[in-house]
Amino acid sequence: MAGRIGRIDTFDQCTESWDSYSERLVQYFLCNDVKDEKKVPALLSLVGGSTYQLLRGLTATRKPSEETFDRLCELLKSHFNPKPLVIAERFRFHKREKKEGESIRGYLASLRKLSEHCDFGESLQDSLRDRLVCGLRSENIQRKLLSEEKKV
């Protein structure tokens, strides 16, 4: 479409989470002044054939076009992003070690992403620090960090 700002590809769960896609979709609607009455048809047109087929199954007795934009997004969110189990998320967080050739910044970014559903609350910074130190591959750096009093 001429005059449109940005571009939204079809949804692909292999490359992007539904949360991320729906955030981008909302931003696309905002910058292109998509009115509320056009959001459902736009969503159904943009998500692609496989996601549309999924929506047909999730809406069961109704057509996806008979639902609201928010309802369709909620159906897709609960399908693609079911509420994670805290114990499983913490398990993944605590098992994560720094990979060969991975930068410290990259490792820390990965830990932050993994901590998203761990429900660490006030202990998030301590948990990140502890996992960072424990997951390092270099015992020399670990020893140095473990001998310092101040927080890493």
N, C-alpha and C. Protein backbone atom coordinates (compact mmCIF):
# COMPACT_ATOMS: atom_id res chain seq x y z
N MET A 1 0.84 -1.19 0.00
CA MET A 1 0.00 0.00 0.00
C MET A 1 0.88 1.24 0.00
N ALA A 2 0.59 2.15 -0.90
CA ALA A 2 1.34 3.39 -0.96
C ALA A 2 1.01 4.25 0.26
N GLY A 3 2.01 4.94 0.75
CA GLY A 3 1.79 5.84 1.87
C GLY A 3 1.82 5.17 3.24
N ARG A 4 2.07 3.89 3.29
CA ARG A 4 2.12 3.19 4.57
C ARG A 4 3.52 3.30 5.17
N ILE A 5 3.56 3.34 6.49
CA ILE A 5 4.83 3.39 7.21
C ILE A 5 5.13 1.99 7.72
N GLY A 6 6.29 1.47 7.38
CA GLY A 6 6.70 0.16 7.86
C GLY A 6 6.07 -0.98 7.10
N ARG A 7 6.36 -2.20 7.59
CA ARG A 7 5.86 -3.40 6.94
C ARG A 7 5.71 -4.49 7.99
N ILE A 8 4.66 -5.25 7.89
CA ILE A 8 4.45 -6.37 8.79
C ILE A 8 4.39 -7.64 7.95
N ASP A 9 5.29 -8.56 8.20
CA ASP A 9 5.27 -9.85 7.52
C ASP A 9 4.23 -10.75 8.17
N THR A 10 3.95 -11.87 7.56
CA THR A 10 3.04 -12.83 8.18
C THR A 10 3.68 -13.37 9.45
N PHE A 11 2.86 -13.81 10.38
CA PHE A 11 3.36 -14.32 11.64
C PHE A 11 4.03 -15.67 11.43
N ASP A 12 5.24 -15.82 11.98
CA ASP A 12 5.98 -17.07 11.91
C ASP A 12 6.50 -17.38 13.31
N GLN A 13 5.89 -18.37 13.94
CA GLN A 13 6.26 -18.68 15.32
C GLN A 13 7.68 -19.23 15.45
N CYS A 14 8.31 -19.59 14.35
CA CYS A 14 9.70 -20.07 14.41
C CYS A 14 10.69 -18.92 14.54
N THR A 15 10.28 -17.72 14.13
CA THR A 15 11.20 -16.60 14.17
C THR A 15 10.81 -15.52 15.16
N GLU A 16 9.57 -15.55 15.66
CA GLU A 16 9.10 -14.47 16.54
C GLU A 16 8.00 -14.99 17.46
N SER A 17 7.98 -14.49 18.67
CA SER A 17 6.90 -14.86 19.60
C SER A 17 5.64 -14.09 19.23
N TRP A 18 4.49 -14.59 19.65
CA TRP A 18 3.25 -13.87 19.40
C TRP A 18 3.26 -12.52 20.10
N ASP A 19 3.80 -12.47 21.33
CA ASP A 19 3.86 -11.20 22.06
C ASP A 19 4.61 -10.15 21.26
N SER A 20 5.74 -10.53 20.72
CA SER A 20 6.55 -9.60 19.94
C SER A 20 5.80 -9.17 18.67
N TYR A 21 5.22 -10.12 17.97
CA TYR A 21 4.49 -9.81 16.74
C TYR A 21 3.32 -8.88 17.03
N SER A 22 2.54 -9.17 18.07
CA SER A 22 1.37 -8.34 18.37
C SER A 22 1.78 -6.93 18.81
N GLU A 23 2.92 -6.80 19.49
CA GLU A 23 3.42 -5.47 19.85
C GLU A 23 3.76 -4.68 18.58
N ARG A 24 4.44 -5.35 17.66
CA ARG A 24 4.79 -4.67 16.40
C ARG A 24 3.54 -4.33 15.59
N LEU A 25 2.56 -5.22 15.62
CA LEU A 25 1.32 -4.98 14.90
C LEU A 25 0.60 -3.75 15.44
N VAL A 26 0.53 -3.63 16.76
CA VAL A 26 -0.10 -2.46 17.37
C VAL A 26 0.64 -1.19 16.97
N GLN A 27 1.97 -1.23 16.97
CA GLN A 27 2.75 -0.06 16.56
C GLN A 27 2.50 0.28 15.08
N TYR A 28 2.40 -0.74 14.26
CA TYR A 28 2.09 -0.54 12.84
C TYR A 28 0.73 0.15 12.70
N PHE A 29 -0.26 -0.32 13.45
CA PHE A 29 -1.59 0.29 13.42
C PHE A 29 -1.53 1.75 13.87
N LEU A 30 -0.77 2.03 14.92
CA LEU A 30 -0.67 3.40 15.43
C LEU A 30 -0.05 4.34 14.40
N CYS A 31 1.08 3.94 13.83
CA CYS A 31 1.76 4.86 12.91
C CYS A 31 1.03 5.00 11.58
N ASN A 32 0.12 4.08 11.28
CA ASN A 32 -0.65 4.16 10.05
C ASN A 32 -2.11 4.55 10.29
N ASP A 33 -2.41 4.99 11.51
CA ASP A 33 -3.76 5.46 11.86
C ASP A 33 -4.86 4.47 11.46
N VAL A 34 -4.63 3.18 11.75
CA VAL A 34 -5.64 2.16 11.45
C VAL A 34 -6.76 2.29 12.48
N LYS A 35 -7.96 2.53 12.00
CA LYS A 35 -9.12 2.71 12.87
C LYS A 35 -9.54 1.37 13.47
N ASP A 36 -10.22 1.44 14.61
CA ASP A 36 -10.64 0.23 15.33
C ASP A 36 -11.42 -0.74 14.43
N GLU A 37 -12.29 -0.22 13.59
CA GLU A 37 -13.12 -1.09 12.75
C GLU A 37 -12.31 -1.81 11.66
N LYS A 38 -11.09 -1.37 11.44
CA LYS A 38 -10.23 -2.00 10.43
C LYS A 38 -9.20 -2.96 11.04
N LYS A 39 -9.11 -2.99 12.37
CA LYS A 39 -8.07 -3.81 13.01
C LYS A 39 -8.28 -5.31 12.80
N VAL A 40 -9.50 -5.79 12.91
CA VAL A 40 -9.75 -7.23 12.72
C VAL A 40 -9.45 -7.63 11.27
N PRO A 41 -10.01 -6.92 10.27
CA PRO A 41 -9.67 -7.32 8.90
C PRO A 41 -8.17 -7.21 8.61
N ALA A 42 -7.53 -6.19 9.16
CA ALA A 42 -6.08 -6.06 8.94
C ALA A 42 -5.34 -7.22 9.58
N LEU A 43 -5.68 -7.54 10.82
CA LEU A 43 -5.03 -8.67 11.50
C LEU A 43 -5.21 -9.95 10.71
N LEU A 44 -6.43 -10.24 10.29
CA LEU A 44 -6.71 -11.48 9.57
C LEU A 44 -6.01 -11.52 8.22
N SER A 45 -5.78 -10.37 7.62
CA SER A 45 -5.07 -10.31 6.35
C SER A 45 -3.56 -10.42 6.53
N LEU A 46 -3.06 -9.90 7.64
CA LEU A 46 -1.61 -9.83 7.83
C LEU A 46 -0.99 -11.08 8.42
N VAL A 47 -1.71 -11.82 9.27
CA VAL A 47 -1.08 -12.93 10.00
C VAL A 47 -0.68 -14.10 9.12
N GLY A 48 -1.30 -14.25 7.96
CA GLY A 48 -0.94 -15.35 7.07
C GLY A 48 -1.91 -16.51 7.18
N GLY A 49 -1.81 -17.39 6.20
CA GLY A 49 -2.75 -18.50 6.07
C GLY A 49 -2.75 -19.49 7.22
N SER A 50 -1.59 -19.90 7.69
CA SER A 50 -1.57 -20.92 8.76
C SER A 50 -2.12 -20.36 10.07
N THR A 51 -1.81 -19.11 10.37
CA THR A 51 -2.33 -18.51 11.60
C THR A 51 -3.83 -18.25 11.47
N TYR A 52 -4.28 -17.91 10.28
CA TYR A 52 -5.71 -17.73 10.05
C TYR A 52 -6.44 -19.06 10.26
N GLN A 53 -5.89 -20.14 9.73
CA GLN A 53 -6.50 -21.46 9.92
C GLN A 53 -6.55 -21.81 11.41
N LEU A 54 -5.49 -21.50 12.12
CA LEU A 54 -5.48 -21.73 13.56
C LEU A 54 -6.59 -20.94 14.24
N LEU A 55 -6.74 -19.68 13.86
CA LEU A 55 -7.81 -18.85 14.44
C LEU A 55 -9.19 -19.42 14.15
N ARG A 56 -9.37 -19.98 12.98
CA ARG A 56 -10.67 -20.61 12.66
C ARG A 56 -10.96 -21.72 13.65
N GLY A 57 -9.94 -22.48 14.00
CA GLY A 57 -10.14 -23.54 14.99
C GLY A 57 -10.35 -23.00 16.39
N LEU A 58 -9.63 -21.92 16.74
CA LEU A 58 -9.73 -21.36 18.09
C LEU A 58 -11.06 -20.64 18.32
N THR A 59 -11.65 -20.11 17.26
CA THR A 59 -12.93 -19.41 17.41
C THR A 59 -14.11 -20.37 17.26
N ALA A 60 -13.83 -21.60 16.87
CA ALA A 60 -14.80 -22.70 16.80
C ALA A 60 -16.09 -22.36 16.06
N THR A 61 -17.16 -22.03 16.75
CA THR A 61 -18.47 -21.88 16.11
C THR A 61 -18.65 -20.55 15.40
N ARG A 62 -17.72 -19.64 15.58
CA ARG A 62 -17.80 -18.32 14.94
C ARG A 62 -16.66 -18.16 13.95
N LYS A 63 -16.84 -17.26 13.02
CA LYS A 63 -15.74 -16.91 12.11
C LYS A 63 -14.81 -15.96 12.84
N PRO A 64 -13.52 -16.00 12.55
CA PRO A 64 -12.60 -15.05 13.19
C PRO A 64 -13.02 -13.60 12.97
N SER A 65 -13.61 -13.30 11.82
CA SER A 65 -14.02 -11.92 11.54
C SER A 65 -15.17 -11.45 12.43
N GLU A 66 -15.82 -12.35 13.14
CA GLU A 66 -16.91 -11.99 14.04
C GLU A 66 -16.42 -11.68 15.45
N GLU A 67 -15.14 -11.85 15.68
CA GLU A 67 -14.54 -11.60 17.00
C GLU A 67 -13.94 -10.19 17.03
N THR A 68 -13.61 -9.73 18.24
CA THR A 68 -12.94 -8.44 18.37
C THR A 68 -11.44 -8.62 18.19
N PHE A 69 -10.77 -7.54 17.92
CA PHE A 69 -9.31 -7.56 17.78
C PHE A 69 -8.66 -8.08 19.06
N ASP A 70 -9.11 -7.54 20.20
CA ASP A 70 -8.54 -7.96 21.49
C ASP A 70 -8.77 -9.44 21.75
N ARG A 71 -9.94 -9.94 21.42
CA ARG A 71 -10.26 -11.36 21.64
C ARG A 71 -9.37 -12.24 20.76
N LEU A 72 -9.20 -11.87 19.51
CA LEU A 72 -8.34 -12.65 18.61
C LEU A 72 -6.90 -12.68 19.12
N CYS A 73 -6.41 -11.52 19.56
CA CYS A 73 -5.04 -11.45 20.09
C CYS A 73 -4.91 -12.30 21.35
N GLU A 74 -5.92 -12.28 22.20
CA GLU A 74 -5.88 -13.09 23.44
C GLU A 74 -5.90 -14.58 23.12
N LEU A 75 -6.71 -14.99 22.15
CA LEU A 75 -6.74 -16.39 21.74
C LEU A 75 -5.37 -16.84 21.23
N LEU A 76 -4.76 -16.00 20.40
CA LEU A 76 -3.44 -16.36 19.86
C LEU A 76 -2.38 -16.35 20.95
N LYS A 77 -2.46 -15.39 21.86
CA LYS A 77 -1.50 -15.34 22.96
C LYS A 77 -1.59 -16.59 23.82
N SER A 78 -2.81 -16.99 24.20
CA SER A 78 -2.92 -18.16 25.07
C SER A 78 -2.54 -19.44 24.32
N HIS A 79 -2.66 -19.44 23.00
CA HIS A 79 -2.24 -20.62 22.24
C HIS A 79 -0.71 -20.68 22.10
N PHE A 80 -0.12 -19.57 21.68
CA PHE A 80 1.32 -19.56 21.40
C PHE A 80 2.17 -19.34 22.66
N ASN A 81 1.64 -18.63 23.64
CA ASN A 81 2.41 -18.30 24.84
C ASN A 81 1.64 -18.71 26.10
N PRO A 82 1.45 -20.01 26.30
CA PRO A 82 0.75 -20.39 27.52
C PRO A 82 1.55 -19.94 28.74
N LYS A 83 0.84 -19.70 29.84
CA LYS A 83 1.51 -19.22 31.06
C LYS A 83 2.60 -20.21 31.46
N PRO A 84 3.83 -19.74 31.53
CA PRO A 84 4.94 -20.64 31.85
C PRO A 84 4.94 -21.06 33.32
N LEU A 85 5.46 -22.23 33.58
CA LEU A 85 5.62 -22.71 34.94
C LEU A 85 6.91 -22.14 35.51
N VAL A 86 6.83 -21.52 36.68
CA VAL A 86 7.98 -20.86 37.29
C VAL A 86 9.12 -21.86 37.49
N ILE A 87 8.82 -23.05 37.98
CA ILE A 87 9.88 -24.04 38.25
C ILE A 87 10.61 -24.41 36.96
N ALA A 88 9.88 -24.55 35.85
CA ALA A 88 10.51 -24.89 34.57
C ALA A 88 11.37 -23.73 34.06
N GLU A 89 10.87 -22.51 34.24
CA GLU A 89 11.62 -21.33 33.79
C GLU A 89 12.89 -21.16 34.62
N ARG A 90 12.80 -21.38 35.93
CA ARG A 90 13.99 -21.28 36.78
C ARG A 90 14.98 -22.38 36.46
N PHE A 91 14.49 -23.56 36.13
CA PHE A 91 15.37 -24.66 35.74
C PHE A 91 16.20 -24.25 34.53
N ARG A 92 15.53 -23.71 33.49
CA ARG A 92 16.25 -23.27 32.29
C ARG A 92 17.26 -22.16 32.63
N PHE A 93 16.85 -21.24 33.50
CA PHE A 93 17.73 -20.14 33.91
C PHE A 93 18.98 -20.69 34.59
N HIS A 94 18.80 -21.58 35.55
CA HIS A 94 19.93 -22.09 36.34
C HIS A 94 20.81 -23.07 35.56
N LYS A 95 20.29 -23.66 34.50
CA LYS A 95 21.09 -24.57 33.68
C LYS A 95 21.93 -23.83 32.63
N ARG A 96 21.61 -22.57 32.38
CA ARG A 96 22.28 -21.82 31.31
C ARG A 96 23.70 -21.48 31.70
N GLU A 97 24.63 -21.89 30.88
CA GLU A 97 26.04 -21.57 31.07
C GLU A 97 26.52 -20.79 29.85
N LYS A 98 27.59 -20.05 30.07
CA LYS A 98 28.17 -19.26 28.99
C LYS A 98 28.71 -20.21 27.91
N LYS A 99 28.37 -19.92 26.67
CA LYS A 99 28.80 -20.76 25.56
C LYS A 99 30.18 -20.34 25.08
N GLU A 100 30.88 -21.27 24.48
CA GLU A 100 32.20 -21.00 23.91
C GLU A 100 32.10 -19.87 22.90
N GLY A 101 32.91 -18.83 23.07
CA GLY A 101 32.94 -17.70 22.15
C GLY A 101 31.86 -16.66 22.41
N GLU A 102 30.96 -16.91 23.34
CA GLU A 102 29.90 -15.95 23.65
C GLU A 102 30.46 -14.83 24.51
N SER A 103 30.07 -13.61 24.20
CA SER A 103 30.55 -12.48 25.00
C SER A 103 29.82 -12.46 26.35
N ILE A 104 30.43 -11.79 27.32
CA ILE A 104 29.80 -11.64 28.63
C ILE A 104 28.48 -10.88 28.48
N ARG A 105 28.47 -9.85 27.65
CA ARG A 105 27.23 -9.09 27.42
C ARG A 105 26.14 -9.97 26.81
N GLY A 106 26.54 -10.79 25.86
CA GLY A 106 25.58 -11.70 25.23
C GLY A 106 25.04 -12.70 26.22
N TYR A 107 25.93 -13.23 27.06
CA TYR A 107 25.52 -14.19 28.09
C TYR A 107 24.57 -13.53 29.09
N LEU A 108 24.89 -12.34 29.53
CA LEU A 108 24.03 -11.62 30.47
C LEU A 108 22.68 -11.29 29.84
N ALA A 109 22.67 -10.91 28.57
CA ALA A 109 21.40 -10.63 27.88
C ALA A 109 20.54 -11.90 27.81
N SER A 110 21.18 -13.03 27.57
CA SER A 110 20.46 -14.29 27.53
C SER A 110 19.88 -14.63 28.91
N LEU A 111 20.67 -14.40 29.96
CA LEU A 111 20.19 -14.64 31.32
C LEU A 111 19.00 -13.74 31.66
N ARG A 112 19.09 -12.48 31.26
CA ARG A 112 17.97 -11.55 31.51
C ARG A 112 16.70 -12.04 30.82
N LYS A 113 16.84 -12.50 29.58
CA LYS A 113 15.69 -13.02 28.84
C LYS A 113 15.13 -14.26 29.53
N LEU A 114 16.00 -15.14 29.96
CA LEU A 114 15.55 -16.36 30.64
C LEU A 114 14.88 -16.06 31.99
N SER A 115 15.26 -14.96 32.63
CA SER A 115 14.71 -14.62 33.95
C SER A 115 13.31 -14.01 33.87
N GLU A 116 12.87 -13.72 32.66
CA GLU A 116 11.61 -13.00 32.45
C GLU A 116 10.41 -13.62 33.17
N HIS A 117 10.32 -14.94 33.21
CA HIS A 117 9.18 -15.62 33.83
C HIS A 117 9.57 -16.41 35.08
N CYS A 118 10.71 -16.04 35.67
CA CYS A 118 11.20 -16.77 36.85
C CYS A 118 10.62 -16.24 38.16
N ASP A 119 9.98 -15.10 38.12
CA ASP A 119 9.35 -14.52 39.31
C ASP A 119 10.36 -14.35 40.45
N PHE A 120 11.55 -13.80 40.12
CA PHE A 120 12.57 -13.59 41.14
C PHE A 120 12.26 -12.40 42.04
N GLY A 121 11.47 -11.47 41.54
CA GLY A 121 11.11 -10.31 42.34
C GLY A 121 12.32 -9.51 42.78
N GLU A 122 12.40 -9.24 44.08
CA GLU A 122 13.50 -8.43 44.64
C GLU A 122 14.87 -9.10 44.50
N SER A 123 14.89 -10.41 44.31
CA SER A 123 16.17 -11.12 44.24
C SER A 123 16.69 -11.26 42.80
N LEU A 124 16.09 -10.55 41.86
CA LEU A 124 16.50 -10.68 40.45
C LEU A 124 17.97 -10.36 40.26
N GLN A 125 18.43 -9.23 40.78
CA GLN A 125 19.83 -8.84 40.56
C GLN A 125 20.79 -9.85 41.17
N ASP A 126 20.47 -10.34 42.37
CA ASP A 126 21.32 -11.36 43.00
C ASP A 126 21.32 -12.65 42.18
N SER A 127 20.16 -13.04 41.67
CA SER A 127 20.07 -14.26 40.87
C SER A 127 20.86 -14.13 39.58
N LEU A 128 20.77 -12.97 38.94
CA LEU A 128 21.54 -12.74 37.72
C LEU A 128 23.04 -12.79 38.00
N ARG A 129 23.45 -12.12 39.09
CA ARG A 129 24.87 -12.12 39.46
C ARG A 129 25.36 -13.54 39.74
N ASP A 130 24.60 -14.28 40.54
CA ASP A 130 25.01 -15.64 40.90
C ASP A 130 25.11 -16.55 39.68
N ARG A 131 24.11 -16.49 38.80
CA ARG A 131 24.11 -17.34 37.61
C ARG A 131 25.23 -16.93 36.67
N LEU A 132 25.51 -15.62 36.59
CA LEU A 132 26.60 -15.13 35.75
C LEU A 132 27.92 -15.72 36.22
N VAL A 133 28.18 -15.64 37.50
CA VAL A 133 29.44 -16.15 38.05
C VAL A 133 29.51 -17.67 37.90
N CYS A 134 28.44 -18.36 38.24
CA CYS A 134 28.44 -19.82 38.17
C CYS A 134 28.55 -20.35 36.74
N GLY A 135 28.03 -19.58 35.79
CA GLY A 135 28.00 -20.05 34.41
C GLY A 135 29.22 -19.70 33.58
N LEU A 136 30.17 -18.97 34.17
CA LEU A 136 31.37 -18.62 33.42
C LEU A 136 32.21 -19.86 33.15
N ARG A 137 32.90 -19.85 32.04
CA ARG A 137 33.73 -21.00 31.66
C ARG A 137 35.13 -20.90 32.27
N SER A 138 35.55 -19.70 32.62
CA SER A 138 36.89 -19.50 33.14
C SER A 138 36.91 -19.58 34.67
N GLU A 139 37.60 -20.58 35.19
CA GLU A 139 37.70 -20.73 36.65
C GLU A 139 38.52 -19.58 37.26
N ASN A 140 39.49 -19.03 36.51
CA ASN A 140 40.27 -17.91 37.02
C ASN A 140 39.38 -16.69 37.27
N ILE A 141 38.52 -16.39 36.32
CA ILE A 141 37.61 -15.25 36.49
C ILE A 141 36.62 -15.54 37.62
N GLN A 142 36.13 -16.77 37.69
CA GLN A 142 35.22 -17.12 38.78
C GLN A 142 35.88 -16.91 40.14
N ARG A 143 37.11 -17.39 40.28
CA ARG A 143 37.82 -17.23 41.56
C ARG A 143 37.98 -15.76 41.91
N LYS A 144 38.34 -14.95 40.91
CA LYS A 144 38.51 -13.52 41.15
C LYS A 144 37.20 -12.89 41.61
N LEU A 145 36.11 -13.20 40.93
CA LEU A 145 34.81 -12.64 41.29
C LEU A 145 34.34 -13.14 42.66
N LEU A 146 34.64 -14.38 42.97
CA LEU A 146 34.22 -14.95 44.26
C LEU A 146 35.03 -14.40 45.43
N SER A 147 36.19 -13.83 45.15
CA SER A 147 37.02 -13.29 46.23
C SER A 147 36.73 -11.83 46.52
N GLU A 148 35.91 -11.20 45.70
CA GLU A 148 35.58 -9.78 45.90
C GLU A 148 34.34 -9.64 46.76
N GLU A 149 34.38 -8.66 47.67
CA GLU A 149 33.25 -8.43 48.57
C GLU A 149 32.09 -7.74 47.88
N LYS A 150 32.40 -6.74 47.05
CA LYS A 150 31.29 -5.99 46.43
C LYS A 150 30.62 -6.82 45.35
N LYS A 151 29.37 -6.43 45.06
CA LYS A 151 28.58 -7.17 44.07
C LYS A 151 29.14 -6.99 42.68
N VAL A 152 29.00 -8.04 41.89
CA VAL A 152 29.44 -8.02 40.50
C VAL A 152 28.46 -7.22 39.69
